Amino acid sequence: MPTNFTAGPVRVRTPATSANLGPGFDALGLALGLYDDVAAEVAPSGARVTVTGQGAGELPDDDRHLVVRAMRAAFDVLGAHPDGLSVECVNRIPQARGLGSSSAAIVAGVLLARALVVDGEHRLDDAGALRLAAEIEGHPDNVAPCLLGGFTVAWSEPGGARAVSLPVADAVRPTVFVPAERGLTATARAALPATVPHGDAAFTAGRAALLVHALTTDPTLLLPATVDRLHQDYRAAGMPGTFSLVSALRAAGVAAVVSGAGPTVLALSEPPAGFGVGTDWEIWQLPIDVSGARAARGRLGHAERDPVAAGRKS
């Protein structure tokens, strides 16, 4: 093995995330206690990926896998190029549902590559890892909470993405409503117009600012703070079930929004007792992840290989 790689495998746990949170389009995100576990080590040649849980039998098992692609991008930055990779993924974050599965894969790849390279954290610090992950993903709203944990505000500068993580008020109790149907971020973005009325932009900016206060200090303001005029209404026709549920929850006084590009619905306060959604949705109460993604030495353990969704309560 080349001397610039560490001996043995490394592993990383990445949390699910919900982006936008209503008015915070491409800027605000929340890390949730539902996790993918991924391990990797340098191999003699090629790339071999095994997937258990979400996406098993569907995702690529070679260099096309997003974790490997992110690892290769990070290795380029680190100036290290292994001959081969062996990767094991235990996925619990649903694919293409608006819960940050792609960001979790990207962050896992970046952190695994960094951990496999001697002095990797010096060559690619946390700020650099965020910039690279956002560059791969195309926007920082999911990768920021995945890396940092908690509630994040992300923005882009000429030098790349930046973000801060803020503590969340104890009364914020996320619930996600996950449908069987899938959605594609590219399709959801294609529904957005090139321009929006100035009044709608100003309205949404005010609500996004209020949302920062509501999530961190005064959750009683979550309902008005999650009103959006920038993106959700434009996407409604493509996800009628999602928007019907969002409307019903909000009518019941629950601060509900589309999670990322959908079709999952995120409620930031608990639905009232007896609120029914039918059999088309799985309902999970998820804690807020406060630590973000973390890498460690060693293979995945028995518990980490369990594909059952860790952290969620139905």
C-alpha atoms as a PDB file:
ATOM      1  CA  MET A   1       0.000   0.000   0.000  1.00  0.00           C
ATOM      2  CA  PRO A   2       1.341   3.474  -0.827  1.00  0.00           C
ATOM      3  CA  THR A   3       2.721   5.230   2.213  1.00  0.00           C
ATOM      4  CA  ASN A   4       0.375   8.204   1.807  1.00  0.00           C
ATOM      5  CA  PHE A   5      -2.682   6.067   2.681  1.00  0.00           C
ATOM      6  CA  THR A   6      -3.657   4.884   6.132  1.00  0.00           C
ATOM      7  CA  ALA A   7      -3.742   1.176   6.884  1.00  0.00           C
ATOM      8  CA  GLY A   8      -7.111  -0.526   7.226  1.00  0.00           C
ATOM      9  CA  PRO A   9     -10.670   0.680   6.731  1.00  0.00           C
ATOM     10  CA  VAL A  10     -12.376   3.876   7.866  1.00  0.00           C
ATOM     11  CA  ARG A  11     -16.081   4.512   8.401  1.00  0.00           C
ATOM     12  CA  VAL A  12     -18.443   7.459   8.521  1.00  0.00           C
ATOM     13  CA  ARG A  13     -22.035   8.004   9.665  1.00  0.00           C
ATOM     14  CA  THR A  14     -24.001  10.680   7.784  1.00  0.00           C
ATOM     15  CA  PRO A  15     -27.379  12.093   8.870  1.00  0.00           C
ATOM     16  CA  ALA A  16     -30.438  12.701   6.750  1.00  0.00           C
ATOM     17  CA  THR A  17     -31.225  16.345   6.085  1.00  0.00           C
ATOM     18  CA  SER A  18     -34.175  18.524   5.153  1.00  0.00           C
ATOM     19  CA  ALA A  19     -33.415  21.613   3.083  1.00  0.00           C
ATOM     20  CA  ASN A  20     -35.239  24.893   2.421  1.00  0.00           C
ATOM     21  CA  LEU A  21     -37.598  24.522   5.431  1.00  0.00           C
ATOM     22  CA  GLY A  22     -40.127  26.594   3.511  1.00  0.00           C
ATOM     23  CA  PRO A  23     -38.762  30.071   2.783  1.00  0.00           C
ATOM     24  CA  GLY A  24     -35.039  29.287   3.112  1.00  0.00           C
ATOM     25  CA  PHE A  25     -34.576  28.139  -0.475  1.00  0.00           C
ATOM     26  CA  ASP A  26     -31.047  26.806  -1.107  1.00  0.00           C
ATOM     27  CA  ALA A  27     -29.896  28.306   2.196  1.00  0.00           C
ATOM     28  CA  LEU A  28     -31.475  26.723   5.285  1.00  0.00           C
ATOM     29  CA  GLY A  29     -31.231  23.095   6.344  1.00  0.00           C
ATOM     30  CA  LEU A  30     -31.771  20.778   9.286  1.00  0.00           C
ATOM     31  CA  ALA A  31     -29.909  17.566  10.191  1.00  0.00           C
ATOM     32  CA  LEU A  32     -32.166  14.686  11.231  1.00  0.00           C
ATOM     33  CA  GLY A  33     -31.445  11.567  13.271  1.00  0.00           C
ATOM     34  CA  LEU A  34     -31.704   9.030  10.469  1.00  0.00           C
ATOM     35  CA  TYR A  35     -28.359   7.702   9.248  1.00  0.00           C
ATOM     36  CA  ASP A  36     -26.392   6.018   6.498  1.00  0.00           C
ATOM     37  CA  ASP A  37     -23.247   4.150   7.566  1.00  0.00           C
ATOM     38  CA  VAL A  38     -20.435   3.802   5.024  1.00  0.00           C
ATOM     39  CA  ALA A  39     -17.006   2.188   5.289  1.00  0.00           C
ATOM     40  CA  ALA A  40     -14.135   2.173   2.798  1.00  0.00           C
ATOM     41  CA  GLU A  41     -10.573   1.014   2.390  1.00  0.00           C
ATOM     42  CA  VAL A  42      -7.926   1.143  -0.292  1.00  0.00           C
ATOM     43  CA  ALA A  43      -7.922  -1.928  -2.581  1.00  0.00           C
ATOM     44  CA  PRO A  44      -5.427  -3.223  -5.171  1.00  0.00           C
ATOM     45  CA  SER A  45      -7.502  -2.150  -8.178  1.00  0.00           C
ATOM     46  CA  GLY A  46     -10.946  -1.033  -9.386  1.00  0.00           C
ATOM     47  CA  ALA A  47     -13.876   0.023  -7.241  1.00  0.00           C
ATOM     48  CA  ARG A  48     -16.276  -2.407  -5.576  1.00  0.00           C
ATOM     49  CA  VAL A  49     -19.363  -1.149  -3.721  1.00  0.00           C
ATOM     50  CA  THR A  50     -21.840  -3.202  -1.708  1.00  0.00           C
ATOM     51  CA  VAL A  51     -25.167  -1.643  -0.730  1.00  0.00           C
ATOM     52  CA  THR A  52     -27.552  -2.836   1.981  1.00  0.00           C
ATOM     53  CA  GLY A  53     -30.897  -1.236   2.777  1.00  0.00           C
ATOM     54  CA  GLN A  54     -32.229   1.708   0.777  1.00  0.00           C
ATOM     55  CA  GLY A  55     -31.143   1.528  -2.856  1.00  0.00           C
ATOM     56  CA  ALA A  56     -29.885  -2.063  -2.675  1.00  0.00           C
ATOM     57  CA  GLY A  57     -30.066  -3.639  -6.110  1.00  0.00           C
ATOM     58  CA  GLU A  58     -30.610  -0.243  -7.742  1.00  0.00           C
ATOM     59  CA  LEU A  59     -27.492   1.812  -7.084  1.00  0.00           C
ATOM     60  CA  PRO A  60     -24.258   1.226  -9.044  1.00  0.00           C
ATOM     61  CA  ASP A  61     -21.675  -1.093  -7.530  1.00  0.00           C
ATOM     62  CA  ASP A  62     -18.631   0.467  -9.206  1.00  0.00           C
ATOM     63  CA  ASP A  63     -17.016   3.832  -9.959  1.00  0.00           C
ATOM     64  CA  ARG A  64     -20.410   5.259 -10.901  1.00  0.00           C
ATOM     65  CA  HIS A  65     -21.613   5.115  -7.297  1.00  0.00           C
ATOM     66  CA  LEU A  66     -21.907   8.614  -5.841  1.00  0.00           C
ATOM     67  CA  VAL A  67     -19.820   7.788  -2.768  1.00  0.00           C
ATOM     68  CA  VAL A  68     -16.950   6.673  -5.007  1.00  0.00           C
ATOM     69  CA  ARG A  69     -17.328   9.685  -7.288  1.00  0.00           C
ATOM     70  CA  ALA A  70     -17.132  11.982  -4.252  1.00  0.00           C
ATOM     71  CA  MET A  71     -14.117  10.066  -2.956  1.00  0.00           C
ATOM     72  CA  ARG A  72     -12.350  10.462  -6.302  1.00  0.00           C
ATOM     73  CA  ALA A  73     -13.054  14.217  -6.275  1.00  0.00           C
ATOM     74  CA  ALA A  74     -11.655  14.492  -2.757  1.00  0.00           C
ATOM     75  CA  PHE A  75      -8.595  12.426  -3.669  1.00  0.00           C
ATOM     76  CA  ASP A  76      -7.946  14.867  -6.511  1.00  0.00           C
ATOM     77  CA  VAL A  77      -7.930  17.737  -4.013  1.00  0.00           C
ATOM     78  CA  LEU A  78      -5.771  15.742  -1.610  1.00  0.00           C
ATOM     79  CA  GLY A  79      -3.290  14.840  -4.328  1.00  0.00           C
ATOM     80  CA  ALA A  80      -3.611  11.107  -3.642  1.00  0.00           C
ATOM     81  CA  HIS A  81      -4.904   8.507  -6.077  1.00  0.00           C
ATOM     82  CA  PRO A  82      -5.450   4.956  -4.805  1.00  0.00           C
ATOM     83  CA  ASP A  83      -5.398   2.129  -7.326  1.00  0.00           C
ATOM     84  CA  GLY A  84      -8.670   0.723  -6.025  1.00  0.00           C
ATOM     85  CA  LEU A  85     -11.414   1.110  -3.418  1.00  0.00           C
ATOM     86  CA  SER A  86     -13.678  -1.219  -1.491  1.00  0.00           C
ATOM     87  CA  VAL A  87     -16.816   0.475  -0.146  1.00  0.00           C
ATOM     88  CA  GLU A  88     -19.650  -0.838   2.028  1.00  0.00           C
ATOM     89  CA  CYS A  89     -22.876   1.204   2.312  1.00  0.00           C
ATOM     90  CA  VAL A  90     -25.680   0.573   4.793  1.00  0.00           C
ATOM     91  CA  ASN A  91     -28.373   3.015   3.676  1.00  0.00           C
ATOM     92  CA  ARG A  92     -31.338   4.041   5.800  1.00  0.00           C
ATOM     93  CA  ILE A  93     -32.087   7.411   4.210  1.00  0.00           C
ATOM     94  CA  PRO A  94     -34.770   6.900   1.523  1.00  0.00           C
ATOM     95  CA  GLN A  95     -33.577   7.554  -2.001  1.00  0.00           C
ATOM     96  CA  ALA A  96     -35.028  10.494  -3.973  1.00  0.00           C
ATOM     97  CA  ARG A  97     -37.492  11.548  -1.285  1.00  0.00           C
ATOM     98  CA  GLY A  98     -36.163  14.969  -0.277  1.00  0.00           C
ATOM     99  CA  LEU A  99     -34.210  13.783   2.772  1.00  0.00           C
ATOM    100  CA  GLY A 100     -30.691  14.393   1.483  1.00  0.00           C
ATOM    101  CA  SER A 101     -29.662  10.913   0.358  1.00  0.00           C
ATOM    102  CA  SER A 102     -27.328  12.305  -2.311  1.00  0.00           C
ATOM    103  CA  SER A 103     -25.770  14.801   0.087  1.00  0.00           C
ATOM    104  CA  ALA A 104     -25.212  12.019   2.625  1.00  0.00           C
ATOM    105  CA  ALA A 105     -23.391  10.003  -0.046  1.00  0.00           C
ATOM    106  CA  ILE A 106     -21.288  12.984  -1.119  1.00  0.00           C
ATOM    107  CA  VAL A 107     -20.328  13.925   2.426  1.00  0.00           C
ATOM    108  CA  ALA A 108     -19.513  10.308   3.202  1.00  0.00           C
ATOM    109  CA  GLY A 109     -17.239  10.121   0.168  1.00  0.00           C
ATOM    110  CA  VAL A 110     -15.392  13.340   0.980  1.00  0.00           C
ATOM    111  CA  LEU A 111     -14.828  12.406   4.628  1.00  0.00           C
ATOM    112  CA  LEU A 112     -13.852   8.811   3.840  1.00  0.00           C
ATOM    113  CA  ALA A 113     -11.251   9.946   1.313  1.00  0.00           C
ATOM    114  CA  ARG A 114      -9.872  12.485   3.760  1.00  0.00           C
ATOM    115  CA  ALA A 115      -9.649   9.856   6.511  1.00  0.00           C
ATOM    116  CA  LEU A 116      -7.843   7.411   4.221  1.00  0.00           C
ATOM    117  CA  VAL A 117      -5.059   9.868   3.425  1.00  0.00           C
ATOM    118  CA  VAL A 118      -2.257  10.507   5.886  1.00  0.00           C
ATOM    119  CA  ASP A 119      -2.589  14.114   7.106  1.00  0.00           C
ATOM    120  CA  GLY A 120      -5.863  14.318   5.191  1.00  0.00           C
ATOM    121  CA  GLU A 121      -7.446  16.723   7.691  1.00  0.00           C
ATOM    122  CA  HIS A 122      -4.532  19.110   7.232  1.00  0.00           C
ATOM    123  CA  ARG A 123      -4.736  18.939   3.457  1.00  0.00           C
ATOM    124  CA  LEU A 124      -8.538  19.312   3.414  1.00  0.00           C
ATOM    125  CA  ASP A 125      -9.969  21.028   6.484  1.00  0.00           C
ATOM    126  CA  ASP A 126     -13.662  21.182   7.400  1.00  0.00           C
ATOM    127  CA  ALA A 127     -14.201  24.410   5.480  1.00  0.00           C
ATOM    128  CA  GLY A 128     -12.614  22.840   2.418  1.00  0.00           C
ATOM    129  CA  ALA A 129     -14.730  19.705   2.825  1.00  0.00           C
ATOM    130  CA  LEU A 130     -17.870  21.856   2.819  1.00  0.00           C
ATOM    131  CA  ARG A 131     -16.754  23.737  -0.286  1.00  0.00           C
ATOM    132  CA  LEU A 132     -15.989  20.524  -2.129  1.00  0.00           C
ATOM    133  CA  ALA A 133     -19.218  18.775  -1.101  1.00  0.00           C
ATOM    134  CA  ALA A 134     -21.281  21.798  -2.156  1.00  0.00           C
ATOM    135  CA  GLU A 135     -19.445  21.951  -5.482  1.00  0.00           C
ATOM    136  CA  ILE A 136     -20.256  18.290  -6.155  1.00  0.00           C
ATOM    137  CA  GLU A 137     -23.889  18.642  -5.063  1.00  0.00           C
ATOM    138  CA  GLY A 138     -24.435  21.987  -6.779  1.00  0.00           C
ATOM    139  CA  HIS A 139     -25.830  23.812  -3.736  1.00  0.00           C
ATOM    140  CA  PRO A 140     -24.931  23.823  -0.018  1.00  0.00           C
ATOM    141  CA  ASP A 141     -28.333  23.586   1.715  1.00  0.00           C
ATOM    142  CA  ASN A 142     -28.185  19.805   2.346  1.00  0.00           C
ATOM    143  CA  VAL A 143     -24.445  19.184   2.611  1.00  0.00           C
ATOM    144  CA  ALA A 144     -24.076  21.906   5.275  1.00  0.00           C
ATOM    145  CA  PRO A 145     -26.347  20.291   7.909  1.00  0.00           C
ATOM    146  CA  CYS A 146     -25.019  16.857   6.962  1.00  0.00           C
ATOM    147  CA  LEU A 147     -21.488  17.997   7.765  1.00  0.00           C
ATOM    148  CA  LEU A 148     -22.161  20.361  10.648  1.00  0.00           C
ATOM    149  CA  GLY A 149     -25.318  19.005  12.273  1.00  0.00           C
ATOM    150  CA  GLY A 150     -28.180  21.033  13.740  1.00  0.00           C
ATOM    151  CA  PHE A 151     -29.870  23.924  11.949  1.00  0.00           C
ATOM    152  CA  THR A 152     -27.619  25.504   9.331  1.00  0.00           C
ATOM    153  CA  VAL A 153     -27.546  28.690   7.315  1.00  0.00           C
ATOM    154  CA  ALA A 154     -25.438  28.284   4.175  1.00  0.00           C
ATOM    155  CA  TRP A 155     -24.346  30.752   1.535  1.00  0.00           C
ATOM    156  CA  SER A 156     -21.937  30.945  -1.390  1.00  0.00           C
ATOM    157  CA  GLU A 157     -19.068  33.341  -1.961  1.00  0.00           C
ATOM    158  CA  PRO A 158     -16.579  33.608  -4.838  1.00  0.00           C
ATOM    159  CA  GLY A 159     -14.349  31.229  -2.903  1.00  0.00           C
ATOM    160  CA  GLY A 160     -17.100  28.638  -2.444  1.00  0.00           C
ATOM    161  CA  ALA A 161     -19.774  27.637   0.048  1.00  0.00           C
ATOM    162  CA  ARG A 162     -19.781  28.589   3.706  1.00  0.00           C
ATOM    163  CA  ALA A 163     -22.171  27.749   6.537  1.00  0.00           C
ATOM    164  CA  VAL A 164     -22.887  28.178  10.231  1.00  0.00           C
ATOM    165  CA  SER A 165     -24.741  25.824  12.560  1.00  0.00           C
ATOM    166  CA  LEU A 166     -27.167  27.193  15.136  1.00  0.00           C
ATOM    167  CA  PRO A 167     -28.749  25.450  18.150  1.00  0.00           C
ATOM    168  CA  VAL A 168     -32.424  24.506  17.815  1.00  0.00           C
ATOM    169  CA  ALA A 169     -35.033  25.237  20.486  1.00  0.00           C
ATOM    170  CA  ASP A 170     -36.058  22.171  22.502  1.00  0.00           C
ATOM    171  CA  ALA A 171     -39.719  22.519  21.507  1.00  0.00           C
ATOM    172  CA  VAL A 172     -38.939  21.813  17.835  1.00  0.00           C
ATOM    173  CA  ARG A 173     -39.978  18.185  17.229  1.00  0.00           C
ATOM    174  CA  PRO A 174     -39.544  17.156  13.572  1.00  0.00           C
ATOM    175  CA  THR A 175     -41.873  14.625  11.989  1.00  0.00           C
ATOM    176  CA  VAL A 176     -41.452  13.445   8.412  1.00  0.00           C
ATOM    177  CA  PHE A 177     -44.178  12.008   6.214  1.00  0.00           C
ATOM    178  CA  VAL A 178     -42.487   9.800   3.614  1.00  0.00           C
ATOM    179  CA  PRO A 179     -44.464   8.603   0.569  1.00  0.00           C
ATOM    180  CA  ALA A 180     -43.699   5.563  -1.538  1.00  0.00           C
ATOM    181  CA  GLU A 181     -43.352   7.709  -4.642  1.00  0.00           C
ATOM    182  CA  ARG A 182     -40.022   9.269  -5.501  1.00  0.00           C
ATOM    183  CA  GLY A 183     -39.073  12.689  -6.767  1.00  0.00           C
ATOM    184  CA  LEU A 184     -36.125  14.105  -8.657  1.00  0.00           C
ATOM    185  CA  THR A 185     -34.413  17.343  -7.675  1.00  0.00           C
ATOM    186  CA  ALA A 186     -33.787  18.168 -11.333  1.00  0.00           C
ATOM    187  CA  THR A 187     -37.499  17.817 -12.118  1.00  0.00           C
ATOM    188  CA  ALA A 188     -38.484  19.975  -9.153  1.00  0.00           C
ATOM    189  CA  ARG A 189     -35.988  22.667 -10.136  1.00  0.00           C
ATOM    190  CA  ALA A 190     -37.213  22.618 -13.716  1.00  0.00           C
ATOM    191  CA  ALA A 191     -40.630  23.714 -12.448  1.00  0.00           C
ATOM    192  CA  LEU A 192     -39.214  26.979 -11.099  1.00  0.00           C
ATOM    193  CA  PRO A 193     -39.466  30.173 -13.160  1.00  0.00           C
ATOM    194  CA  ALA A 194     -36.388  32.137 -14.138  1.00  0.00           C
ATOM    195  CA  THR A 195     -37.688  35.184 -12.240  1.00  0.00           C
ATOM    196  CA  VAL A 196     -40.184  35.853  -9.448  1.00  0.00           C
ATOM    197  CA  PRO A 197     -42.079  39.037  -8.502  1.00  0.00           C
ATOM    198  CA  HIS A 198     -40.079  41.391  -6.319  1.00  0.00           C
ATOM    199  CA  GLY A 199     -42.854  41.386  -3.738  1.00  0.00           C
ATOM    200  CA  ASP A 200     -42.705  37.607  -3.410  1.00  0.00           C
ATOM    201  CA  ALA A 201     -38.927  37.711  -2.987  1.00  0.00           C
ATOM    202  CA  ALA A 202     -39.163  40.378  -0.302  1.00  0.00           C
ATOM    203  CA  PHE A 203     -41.960  38.505   1.487  1.00  0.00           C
ATOM    204  CA  THR A 204     -39.981  35.271   1.501  1.00  0.00           C
ATOM    205  CA  ALA A 205     -36.794  36.956   2.703  1.00  0.00           C
ATOM    206  CA  GLY A 206     -38.693  38.295   5.697  1.00  0.00           C
ATOM    207  CA  ARG A 207     -40.121  34.885   6.536  1.00  0.00           C
ATOM    208  CA  ALA A 208     -36.706  33.216   6.185  1.00  0.00           C
ATOM    209  CA  ALA A 209     -35.265  35.709   8.663  1.00  0.00           C
ATOM    210  CA  LEU A 210     -38.178  35.049  11.019  1.00  0.00           C
ATOM    211  CA  LEU A 211     -37.614  31.298  10.667  1.00  0.00           C
ATOM    212  CA  VAL A 212     -34.095  31.614  12.079  1.00  0.00           C
ATOM    213  CA  HIS A 213     -35.591  33.245  15.177  1.00  0.00           C
ATOM    214  CA  ALA A 214     -38.459  30.751  15.397  1.00  0.00           C
ATOM    215  CA  LEU A 215     -36.232  27.674  15.178  1.00  0.00           C
ATOM    216  CA  THR A 216     -33.623  28.899  17.616  1.00  0.00           C
ATOM    217  CA  THR A 217     -35.629  30.968  20.098  1.00  0.00           C
ATOM    218  CA  ASP A 218     -39.423  31.045  19.706  1.00  0.00           C
ATOM    219  CA  PRO A 219     -41.064  27.999  18.094  1.00  0.00           C
ATOM    220  CA  THR A 220     -44.519  29.546  18.593  1.00  0.00           C
ATOM    221  CA  LEU A 221     -43.730  31.553  15.446  1.00  0.00           C
ATOM    222  CA  LEU A 222     -42.969  28.513  13.271  1.00  0.00           C
ATOM    223  CA  LEU A 223     -46.288  28.549  11.434  1.00  0.00           C
ATOM    224  CA  PRO A 224     -45.987  32.088  10.016  1.00  0.00           C
ATOM    225  CA  ALA A 225     -42.201  31.677   9.665  1.00  0.00           C
ATOM    226  CA  THR A 226     -42.545  28.737   7.250  1.00  0.00           C
ATOM    227  CA  VAL A 227     -44.698  30.501   4.635  1.00  0.00           C
ATOM    228  CA  ASP A 228     -42.947  30.549   1.257  1.00  0.00           C
ATOM    229  CA  ARG A 229     -43.653  32.287  -2.054  1.00  0.00           C
ATOM    230  CA  LEU A 230     -40.379  31.506  -3.788  1.00  0.00           C
ATOM    231  CA  HIS A 231     -40.528  27.842  -4.809  1.00  0.00           C
ATOM    232  CA  GLN A 232     -43.181  25.623  -3.213  1.00  0.00           C
ATOM    233  CA  ASP A 233     -46.244  26.823  -5.126  1.00  0.00           C
ATOM    234  CA  TYR A 234     -44.452  26.415  -8.457  1.00  0.00           C
ATOM    235  CA  ARG A 235     -43.813  22.758  -7.641  1.00  0.00           C
ATOM    236  CA  ALA A 236     -47.324  21.954  -6.430  1.00  0.00           C
ATOM    237  CA  ALA A 237     -48.665  20.557  -9.717  1.00  0.00           C
ATOM    238  CA  GLY A 238     -45.947  17.923  -9.833  1.00  0.00           C
ATOM    239  CA  MET A 239     -46.605  16.685  -6.275  1.00  0.00           C
ATOM    240  CA  PRO A 240     -50.351  16.979  -5.602  1.00  0.00           C
ATOM    241  CA  GLY A 241     -50.326  14.506  -2.713  1.00  0.00           C
ATOM    242  CA  THR A 242     -47.472  16.311  -1.019  1.00  0.00           C
ATOM    243  CA  PHE A 243     -49.106  19.708  -1.261  1.00  0.00           C
ATOM    244  CA  SER A 244     -52.477  18.365  -0.147  1.00  0.00           C
ATOM    245  CA  LEU A 245     -50.832  17.044   3.020  1.00  0.00           C
ATOM    246  CA  VAL A 246     -48.878  20.265   3.595  1.00  0.00           C
ATOM    247  CA  SER A 247     -52.122  22.247   3.295  1.00  0.00           C
ATOM    248  CA  ALA A 248     -54.006  19.933   5.657  1.00  0.00           C
ATOM    249  CA  LEU A 249     -51.274  20.067   8.279  1.00  0.00           C
ATOM    250  CA  ARG A 250     -50.996  23.842   8.096  1.00  0.00           C
ATOM    251  CA  ALA A 251     -54.779  24.176   8.376  1.00  0.00           C
ATOM    252  CA  ALA A 252     -54.461  22.168  11.600  1.00  0.00           C
ATOM    253  CA  GLY A 253     -51.876  24.642  12.911  1.00  0.00           C
ATOM    254  CA  VAL A 254     -48.786  22.541  12.133  1.00  0.00           C
ATOM    255  CA  ALA A 255     -45.704  24.205  10.611  1.00  0.00           C
ATOM    256  CA  ALA A 256     -45.406  21.868   7.613  1.00  0.00           C
ATOM    257  CA  VAL A 257     -43.287  22.331   4.489  1.00  0.00           C
ATOM    258  CA  VAL A 258     -41.998  20.334   1.554  1.00  0.00           C
ATOM    259  CA  SER A 259     -38.755  18.631   2.590  1.00  0.00           C
ATOM    260  CA  GLY A 260     -36.117  19.702   0.099  1.00  0.00           C
ATOM    261  CA  ALA A 261     -37.358  19.034  -3.427  1.00  0.00           C
ATOM    262  CA  GLY A 262     -39.961  16.591  -2.062  1.00  0.00           C
ATOM    263  CA  PRO A 263     -42.040  14.562  -2.065  1.00  0.00           C
ATOM    264  CA  THR A 264     -41.498  14.043   1.694  1.00  0.00           C
ATOM    265  CA  VAL A 265     -43.313  16.464   3.992  1.00  0.00           C
ATOM    266  CA  LEU A 266     -41.557  17.892   7.060  1.00  0.00           C
ATOM    267  CA  ALA A 267     -43.536  19.061  10.079  1.00  0.00           C
ATOM    268  CA  LEU A 268     -41.573  21.129  12.598  1.00  0.00           C
ATOM    269  CA  SER A 269     -44.227  20.728  15.284  1.00  0.00           C
ATOM    270  CA  GLU A 270     -46.188  17.625  16.234  1.00  0.00           C
ATOM    271  CA  PRO A 271     -49.469  16.951  14.419  1.00  0.00           C
ATOM    272  CA  PRO A 272     -52.559  17.059  16.641  1.00  0.00           C
ATOM    273  CA  ALA A 273     -53.825  13.817  18.136  1.00  0.00           C
ATOM    274  CA  GLY A 274     -55.990  11.921  15.694  1.00  0.00           C
ATOM    275  CA  PHE A 275     -54.635  13.653  12.598  1.00  0.00           C
ATOM    276  CA  GLY A 276     -54.920  11.092   9.814  1.00  0.00           C
ATOM    277  CA  VAL A 277     -52.930  10.781   6.601  1.00  0.00           C
ATOM    278  CA  GLY A 278     -54.058   7.417   5.267  1.00  0.00           C
ATOM    279  CA  THR A 279     -51.852   4.503   4.291  1.00  0.00           C
ATOM    280  CA  ASP A 280     -49.831   6.258   1.582  1.00  0.00           C
ATOM    281  CA  TRP A 281     -47.364   7.754   4.040  1.00  0.00           C
ATOM    282  CA  GLU A 282     -44.842   6.439   6.529  1.00  0.00           C
ATOM    283  CA  ILE A 283     -44.665   8.752   9.537  1.00  0.00           C
ATOM    284  CA  TRP A 284     -41.382   9.012  11.405  1.00  0.00           C
ATOM    285  CA  GLN A 285     -40.574  11.190  14.398  1.00  0.00           C
ATOM    286  CA  LEU A 286     -36.897  12.032  14.115  1.00  0.00           C
ATOM    287  CA  PRO A 287     -34.591  13.752  16.584  1.00  0.00           C
ATOM    288  CA  ILE A 288     -32.416  16.608  15.422  1.00  0.00           C
ATOM    289  CA  ASP A 289     -28.862  15.463  14.790  1.00  0.00           C
ATOM    290  CA  VAL A 290     -26.498  17.906  16.481  1.00  0.00           C
ATOM    291  CA  SER A 291     -23.129  16.363  15.608  1.00  0.00           C
ATOM    292  CA  GLY A 292     -23.122  16.056  11.830  1.00  0.00           C
ATOM    293  CA  ALA A 293     -21.058  13.494   9.922  1.00  0.00           C
ATOM    294  CA  ARG A 294     -18.095  11.948  11.683  1.00  0.00           C
ATOM    295  CA  ALA A 295     -15.371   9.629  10.447  1.00  0.00           C
ATOM    296  CA  ALA A 296     -13.668   6.955  12.551  1.00  0.00           C
ATOM    297  CA  ARG A 297     -11.231   4.084  12.123  1.00  0.00           C
ATOM    298  CA  GLY A 298     -12.361   0.527  11.612  1.00  0.00           C
ATOM    299  CA  ARG A 299     -15.040  -1.484   9.848  1.00  0.00           C
ATOM    300  CA  LEU A 300     -18.767  -1.228  10.364  1.00  0.00           C
ATOM    301  CA  GLY A 301     -19.952  -3.077  13.443  1.00  0.00           C
ATOM    302  CA  HIS A 302     -22.945  -5.404  13.753  1.00  0.00           C
ATOM    303  CA  ALA A 303     -25.309  -2.590  14.772  1.00  0.00           C
ATOM    304  CA  GLU A 304     -24.065  -0.337  11.974  1.00  0.00           C
ATOM    305  CA  ARG A 305     -24.741  -3.072   9.423  1.00  0.00           C
ATOM    306  CA  ASP A 306     -28.403  -3.300  10.482  1.00  0.00           C
ATOM    307  CA  PRO A 307     -30.383  -1.682   7.620  1.00  0.00           C
ATOM    308  CA  VAL A 308     -33.365  -0.896   9.872  1.00  0.00           C
ATOM    309  CA  ALA A 309     -33.846   2.860  10.067  1.00  0.00           C
ATOM    310  CA  ALA A 310     -31.873   3.871  13.133  1.00  0.00           C
ATOM    311  CA  GLY A 311     -33.162   6.860  15.074  1.00  0.00           C
ATOM    312  CA  ARG A 312     -36.724   6.955  13.813  1.00  0.00           C
ATOM    313  CA  LYS A 313     -39.959   6.304  15.675  1.00  0.00           C
ATOM    314  CA  SER A 314     -43.100   5.501  13.700  1.00  0.00           C
END
